[in-house]
Amino acid sequence: MSSEQLRKVLDDIDTYNKADPRQDDLDGVPRPLEQAYSERMTRWVLKLNPQASEALRIAARGQHIGRWTVPRETYPMNRGGYLRWREDLKRFHASTVTELMRKAGYSESDCERVRVMILKKNIQGDADTQTLEDALCLIFLERQFEDLKQKTPDEKMIEIVRKTWRKMSDVGKAAALSLPLPEEHTAVIQAALK
C-alpha cells in the first residue's frame, strides 16, 4: 500500500459522498451529510488509534458511502425490515469501497481486509474492527442520540445505550464518558450503566 493509493481512495470516497443531497454541519460549514459523517468517522478512528492502518482509515471513511441511495423506507417498516436494510447497506458499502480500492491498485487481500471491517465481522476479536465500532458508537452518542431520544421512551433508550455499551472496548467507553453531552443524555447513560 502506498500513501498515493490511500489518498486516491479517500478522495474517491469523498467525491462519491459529495453527491448526498442531505446536509449536515461540520465545524460550522454545511456539508453533504455522508461526507461530514465519513470525516467524523476518520477523526474518531485517528483519535482512538493515531497509528491506524491504511485499511482502517479506508474502512472508517467508507463506512457509510452512498448511504442515501438505499433509503430505509424501501424496506418494511418493522424490525425485520430494519435489520435487512442494515445488512444490505453493509454489503453495499463494502462492495463500493473495495471497488474504489481495486481501481486505485490495492491488492485483493487489502480489499478483503477492508470488506471484513465494514461488514463488522469479528468486532471484539479484531482490534481494527473494534476501533471502527467504537467510532460508530461515539458518533451515535455525540450526534444521533438526541434525535432518537426525542421519539423513544426512556426505558427503551436505556436498553439502546446498554446494547451500544456492550459493543464498545474499554478505550471507546472511556472516550464516551468524556464526551461533553447534555445533562439529560448523561442521565440516560448513567441509568444504563447501573
Protein backbone atom coordinates (compact mmCIF):
# COMPACT_ATOMS: atom_id res chain seq x y z
CA MET A 1 0.00 0.00 0.00
CA SER A 2 1.18 3.50 -0.72
CA SER A 3 0.12 6.88 0.58
CA GLU A 4 -0.76 7.83 -3.02
CA GLN A 5 -3.20 4.91 -3.20
CA LEU A 6 -4.66 5.87 0.17
CA ARG A 7 -5.13 9.49 -0.89
CA LYS A 8 -6.82 8.37 -4.11
CA VAL A 9 -9.30 6.09 -2.32
CA LEU A 10 -10.13 8.66 0.37
CA ASP A 11 -10.61 11.33 -2.31
CA ASP A 12 -12.84 8.97 -4.33
CA ILE A 13 -14.95 8.21 -1.24
CA ASP A 14 -15.28 11.93 -0.52
CA THR A 15 -16.25 12.64 -4.13
CA TYR A 16 -18.89 9.89 -4.00
CA ASN A 17 -20.32 11.25 -0.73
CA LYS A 18 -20.41 14.84 -2.01
CA ALA A 19 -23.43 13.75 -4.10
CA ASP A 20 -25.51 13.27 -0.93
CA PRO A 21 -28.39 15.76 -1.24
CA ARG A 22 -28.89 15.81 2.55
CA GLN A 23 -26.93 18.40 4.51
CA ASP A 24 -25.12 18.44 7.83
CA ASP A 25 -22.75 20.83 9.51
CA LEU A 26 -19.09 20.06 10.10
CA ASP A 27 -17.10 22.63 12.06
CA GLY A 28 -19.74 25.23 11.26
CA VAL A 29 -19.64 24.57 7.50
CA PRO A 30 -22.60 22.99 5.66
CA ARG A 31 -21.54 19.74 4.00
CA PRO A 32 -23.23 16.78 2.35
CA LEU A 33 -24.35 14.57 5.25
CA GLU A 34 -22.37 11.42 4.43
CA GLN A 35 -19.24 13.38 3.65
CA ALA A 36 -19.47 15.02 7.10
CA TYR A 37 -20.16 11.61 8.65
CA SER A 38 -17.16 9.99 6.99
CA GLU A 39 -14.89 12.79 8.15
CA ARG A 40 -16.20 12.39 11.71
CA MET A 41 -15.50 8.65 11.48
CA THR A 42 -11.95 9.37 10.34
CA ARG A 43 -11.40 11.83 13.19
CA TRP A 44 -12.66 9.41 15.83
CA VAL A 45 -10.64 6.50 14.46
CA LEU A 46 -7.47 8.61 14.47
CA LYS A 47 -8.23 9.87 17.97
CA LEU A 48 -8.74 6.31 19.23
CA ASN A 49 -5.77 4.96 17.27
CA PRO A 50 -3.34 7.59 15.95
CA GLN A 51 -1.38 4.80 14.23
CA ALA A 52 -4.44 3.48 12.36
CA SER A 53 -3.60 1.27 9.40
CA GLU A 54 -4.49 2.31 5.86
CA ALA A 55 -7.17 -0.38 5.84
CA LEU A 56 -8.75 1.03 8.97
CA ARG A 57 -8.63 4.58 7.59
CA ILE A 58 -10.33 3.44 4.39
CA ALA A 59 -12.98 1.45 6.30
CA ALA A 60 -13.70 4.46 8.51
CA ARG A 61 -14.01 6.85 5.58
CA GLY A 62 -16.18 4.46 3.56
CA GLN A 63 -18.32 3.11 6.39
CA HIS A 64 -21.48 4.84 5.10
CA ILE A 65 -20.53 5.57 1.49
CA GLY A 66 -23.61 6.33 -0.58
CA ARG A 67 -25.97 5.52 2.30
CA TRP A 68 -28.65 7.88 0.98
CA THR A 69 -29.00 5.76 -2.17
CA VAL A 70 -30.61 2.91 -0.17
CA PRO A 71 -33.43 4.62 1.77
CA ARG A 72 -34.81 2.95 4.89
CA GLU A 73 -38.33 3.50 3.53
CA THR A 74 -37.70 0.99 0.72
CA TYR A 75 -37.82 -1.83 3.30
CA PRO A 76 -40.71 -2.94 5.53
CA MET A 77 -41.05 -0.56 8.48
CA ASN A 78 -40.63 -3.22 11.13
CA ARG A 79 -37.67 -4.77 12.97
CA GLY A 80 -37.09 -7.40 10.28
CA GLY A 81 -37.09 -4.74 7.55
CA TYR A 82 -34.69 -2.60 9.56
CA LEU A 83 -32.26 -5.47 10.10
CA ARG A 84 -32.37 -6.46 6.42
CA TRP A 85 -31.79 -2.83 5.39
CA ARG A 86 -28.72 -2.59 7.65
CA GLU A 87 -27.23 -5.85 6.37
CA ASP A 88 -27.84 -4.86 2.75
CA LEU A 89 -26.23 -1.47 3.44
CA LYS A 90 -23.12 -3.07 4.92
CA ARG A 91 -22.71 -5.23 1.83
CA PHE A 92 -23.29 -2.20 -0.43
CA HIS A 93 -20.75 -0.09 1.47
CA ALA A 94 -18.16 -2.88 1.45
CA SER A 95 -18.64 -3.56 -2.25
CA THR A 96 -18.48 0.11 -3.22
CA VAL A 97 -15.36 0.83 -1.18
CA THR A 98 -13.47 -2.26 -2.31
CA GLU A 99 -14.25 -1.42 -5.94
CA LEU A 100 -12.67 2.01 -5.42
CA MET A 101 -9.68 0.30 -3.80
CA ARG A 102 -9.22 -2.04 -6.77
CA LYS A 103 -9.28 0.95 -9.14
CA ALA A 104 -6.54 2.55 -7.03
CA GLY A 105 -4.40 -0.59 -7.31
CA TYR A 106 -4.93 -2.22 -3.91
CA SER A 107 -4.48 -5.98 -3.69
CA GLU A 108 -7.37 -8.39 -3.15
CA SER A 109 -6.07 -9.14 0.36
CA ASP A 110 -6.16 -5.41 1.19
CA CYS A 111 -9.69 -5.19 -0.20
CA GLU A 112 -10.76 -8.22 1.80
CA ARG A 113 -9.35 -6.70 4.99
CA VAL A 114 -11.47 -3.56 4.50
CA ARG A 115 -14.52 -5.58 3.46
CA VAL A 116 -14.40 -7.60 6.68
CA MET A 117 -14.13 -4.42 8.76
CA ILE A 118 -17.06 -2.71 7.04
CA LEU A 119 -19.16 -5.85 7.42
CA LYS A 120 -18.16 -5.72 11.12
CA LYS A 121 -17.07 -9.34 11.24
CA ASN A 122 -15.33 -10.35 14.48
CA ILE A 123 -15.71 -6.98 16.20
CA GLN A 124 -14.25 -7.99 19.54
CA GLY A 125 -11.66 -10.31 18.06
CA ASP A 126 -10.06 -7.76 15.73
CA ALA A 127 -8.57 -4.53 17.08
CA ASP A 128 -9.19 -2.50 13.90
CA THR A 129 -12.81 -3.60 13.60
CA GLN A 130 -13.29 -2.81 17.30
CA THR A 131 -11.86 0.69 16.76
CA LEU A 132 -14.27 1.17 13.86
CA GLU A 133 -17.18 0.03 16.05
CA ASP A 134 -16.09 2.35 18.86
CA ALA A 135 -16.06 5.28 16.44
CA LEU A 136 -19.56 4.39 15.21
CA CYS A 137 -20.85 4.22 18.78
CA LEU A 138 -19.20 7.52 19.70
CA ILE A 139 -20.79 9.28 16.74
CA PHE A 140 -24.14 7.84 17.77
CA LEU A 141 -23.75 9.20 21.30
CA GLU A 142 -22.39 12.52 20.11
CA ARG A 143 -24.61 13.27 17.10
CA GLN A 144 -27.60 10.92 16.82
CA PHE A 145 -28.63 10.33 20.42
CA GLU A 146 -30.85 13.42 20.68
CA ASP A 147 -32.95 12.63 17.60
CA LEU A 148 -33.56 9.08 18.81
CA LYS A 149 -34.27 10.23 22.37
CA GLN A 150 -36.97 12.61 21.08
CA LYS A 151 -39.01 9.69 19.71
CA THR A 152 -38.05 6.88 22.10
CA PRO A 153 -39.24 6.26 25.68
CA ASP A 154 -36.52 6.49 28.36
CA GLU A 155 -36.73 2.75 29.18
CA LYS A 156 -36.02 1.89 25.54
CA MET A 157 -33.19 4.47 25.36
CA ILE A 158 -31.61 2.87 28.42
CA GLU A 159 -31.69 -0.51 26.66
CA ILE A 160 -30.24 1.01 23.47
CA VAL A 161 -27.37 2.51 25.47
CA ARG A 162 -26.74 -0.85 27.18
CA LYS A 163 -26.54 -2.58 23.79
CA THR A 164 -24.24 0.16 22.48
CA TRP A 165 -22.03 -0.13 25.57
CA ARG A 166 -21.64 -3.90 25.13
CA LYS A 167 -20.23 -3.32 21.63
CA MET A 168 -17.54 -0.91 22.84
CA SER A 169 -14.00 -1.51 24.06
CA ASP A 170 -12.68 -0.04 27.30
CA VAL A 171 -10.97 2.69 25.26
CA GLY A 172 -14.24 3.50 23.49
CA LYS A 173 -16.16 3.54 26.78
CA ALA A 174 -13.63 5.93 28.32
CA ALA A 175 -13.98 8.23 25.30
CA ALA A 176 -17.77 8.06 25.61
CA LEU A 177 -17.68 9.01 29.28
CA SER A 178 -15.54 12.04 28.44
CA LEU A 179 -17.97 13.42 25.82
CA PRO A 180 -19.46 16.80 26.71
CA LEU A 181 -23.06 15.61 26.48
CA PRO A 182 -26.21 17.37 27.69
CA GLU A 183 -27.20 16.50 31.26
CA GLU A 184 -30.29 14.54 30.18
CA HIS A 185 -28.18 12.35 27.88
CA THR A 186 -25.66 11.71 30.63
CA ALA A 187 -28.53 10.73 32.96
CA VAL A 188 -29.75 8.11 30.46
CA ILE A 189 -26.21 6.75 30.06
CA GLN A 190 -25.69 6.60 33.83
CA ALA A 191 -29.02 4.79 34.25
CA ALA A 192 -27.99 2.28 31.59
CA LEU A 193 -24.68 1.58 33.31
CA LYS A 194 -26.25 0.78 36.71
